[in-house]
C-alpha atoms as a PDB file:
ATOM      1  CA  MET A   1      15.004-148.785  -9.766  1.00  0.00           C
ATOM      2  CA  MET A   2      16.381-150.451 -13.149  1.00  0.00           C
ATOM      3  CA  LYS A   3      19.816-148.180 -12.593  1.00  0.00           C
ATOM      4  CA  ARG A   4      20.247-149.607  -8.927  1.00  0.00           C
ATOM      5  CA  VAL A   5      20.103-152.826  -9.890  1.00  0.00           C
ATOM      6  CA  ALA A   6      22.347-152.634 -12.526  1.00  0.00           C
ATOM      7  CA  LEU A   7      24.623-150.889 -10.784  1.00  0.00           C
ATOM      8  CA  VAL A   8      25.130-153.325  -8.079  1.00  0.00           C
ATOM      9  CA  LEU A   9      25.207-156.340 -11.241  1.00  0.00           C
ATOM     10  CA  GLY A  10      28.163-153.948 -12.118  1.00  0.00           C
ATOM     11  CA  TRP A  11      29.521-154.418  -9.503  1.00  0.00           C
ATOM     12  CA  VAL A  12      29.619-157.636  -8.173  1.00  0.00           C
ATOM     13  CA  ILE A  13      30.962-158.563 -11.419  1.00  0.00           C
ATOM     14  CA  LEU A  14      33.579-156.422 -11.751  1.00  0.00           C
ATOM     15  CA  ALA A  15      34.450-158.111  -7.968  1.00  0.00           C
ATOM     16  CA  MET A  16      34.307-161.431  -9.249  1.00  0.00           C
ATOM     17  CA  ALA A  17      36.223-160.706 -12.737  1.00  0.00           C
ATOM     18  CA  ALA A  18      38.712-159.418 -10.534  1.00  0.00           C
ATOM     19  CA  GLY A  19      38.819-162.658  -8.725  1.00  0.00           C
ATOM     20  CA  LEU A  20      39.837-164.445 -11.785  1.00  0.00           C
ATOM     21  CA  ILE A  21      41.978-161.767 -12.643  1.00  0.00           C
ATOM     22  CA  MET A  22      43.882-162.059  -9.441  1.00  0.00           C
ATOM     23  CA  LEU A  23      43.996-166.025  -9.178  1.00  0.00           C
ATOM     24  CA  GLY A  24      45.266-165.916 -12.981  1.00  0.00           C
ATOM     25  CA  ILE A  25      48.215-164.029 -12.255  1.00  0.00           C
ATOM     26  CA  LEU A  26      48.695-165.946  -9.283  1.00  0.00           C
ATOM     27  CA  SER A  27      48.920-168.701 -11.105  1.00  0.00           C
ATOM     28  CA  LEU A  28      51.252-168.060 -13.380  1.00  0.00           C
ATOM     29  CA  PRO A  29      54.327-170.706 -13.507  1.00  0.00           C
ATOM     30  CA  PRO A  30      57.631-168.955 -13.604  1.00  0.00           C
ATOM     31  CA  GLY A  31      59.665-168.789 -16.521  1.00  0.00           C
ATOM     32  CA  GLU A  32      57.829-170.178 -19.760  1.00  0.00           C
ATOM     33  CA  LEU A  33      53.552-170.550 -19.679  1.00  0.00           C
ATOM     34  CA  MET A  34      54.264-174.596 -19.749  1.00  0.00           C
ATOM     35  CA  PHE A  35      50.017-175.219 -19.297  1.00  0.00           C
ATOM     36  CA  ALA A  36      46.689-172.882 -19.913  1.00  0.00           C
ATOM     37  CA  LEU A  37      45.252-173.210 -16.033  1.00  0.00           C
ATOM     38  CA  PRO A  38      45.695-169.263 -16.248  1.00  0.00           C
ATOM     39  CA  PHE A  39      44.076-168.506 -19.377  1.00  0.00           C
ATOM     40  CA  VAL A  40      40.986-170.346 -17.536  1.00  0.00           C
ATOM     41  CA  PHE A  41      41.073-167.325 -15.304  1.00  0.00           C
ATOM     42  CA  LEU A  42      41.520-164.813 -17.128  1.00  0.00           C
ATOM     43  CA  ILE A  43      39.803-165.408 -20.420  1.00  0.00           C
ATOM     44  CA  PRO A  44      36.490-165.500 -18.452  1.00  0.00           C
ATOM     45  CA  GLY A  45      37.867-162.420 -15.108  1.00  0.00           C
ATOM     46  CA  PHE A  46      38.247-159.882 -19.051  1.00  0.00           C
ATOM     47  CA  VAL A  47      34.407-161.251 -20.690  1.00  0.00           C
ATOM     48  CA  LEU A  48      32.999-160.361 -16.546  1.00  0.00           C
ATOM     49  CA  GLY A  49      35.002-157.362 -16.325  1.00  0.00           C
ATOM     50  CA  LEU A  50      33.916-155.992 -20.132  1.00  0.00           C
ATOM     51  CA  ILE A  51      30.166-156.759 -19.340  1.00  0.00           C
ATOM     52  CA  GLY A  52      30.427-155.424 -15.638  1.00  0.00           C
ATOM     53  CA  VAL A  53      31.966-152.164 -16.800  1.00  0.00           C
ATOM     54  CA  VAL A  54      28.871-151.933 -19.661  1.00  0.00           C
ATOM     55  CA  LEU A  55      26.552-152.639 -17.040  1.00  0.00           C
ATOM     56  CA  LEU A  56      27.634-149.727 -15.196  1.00  0.00           C
ATOM     57  CA  TRP A  57      28.179-147.438 -17.738  1.00  0.00           C
ATOM     58  CA  LEU A  58      24.376-147.933 -18.575  1.00  0.00           C
ATOM     59  CA  GLY A  59      23.337-147.512 -15.151  1.00  0.00           C
ATOM     60  CA  ARG A  60      25.130-144.538 -14.758  1.00  0.00           C
ATOM     61  CA  HIS A  61      24.434-143.448 -18.077  1.00  0.00           C
ATOM     62  CA  SER A  62      20.179-144.152 -18.299  1.00  0.00           C
ATOM     63  CA  SER A  63      18.627-142.324 -20.663  1.00  0.00           C
ATOM     64  CA  VAL A  64      14.986-142.807 -18.661  1.00  0.00           C
ATOM     65  CA  ARG A  65      15.278-139.709 -16.270  1.00  0.00           C
ATOM     66  CA  LEU A  66      13.189-140.052 -13.065  1.00  0.00           C
ATOM     67  CA  PRO A  67      12.010-137.111 -11.210  1.00  0.00           C
ATOM     68  CA  SER A  68      13.337-137.260  -7.151  1.00  0.00           C
ATOM     69  CA  GLU A  69      10.985-137.126  -4.509  1.00  0.00           C
ATOM     70  CA  GLY A  70      11.549-134.261  -3.494  1.00  0.00           C
ATOM     71  CA  GLU A  71      10.581-132.701  -7.335  1.00  0.00           C
ATOM     72  CA  GLU A  72       7.212-131.895  -8.435  1.00  0.00           C
ATOM     73  CA  GLN A  73       5.760-132.347 -11.479  1.00  0.00           C
END
């Protein structure tokens, strides 16, 4: 159950991170960077992306192995 929660939460957080990174890229002005608006989107996007990857990794590589419903103990 917790593995599934970690996987779903990881994918949701990665989707939010992708949206923030895309907003940061789209808000870059042509030429030189004159204001900090892109970093308001890029830095949280990268942090959320890292958290999402960690959650996906924990959801897939959990040390607790539960028997499937078809297997007998």
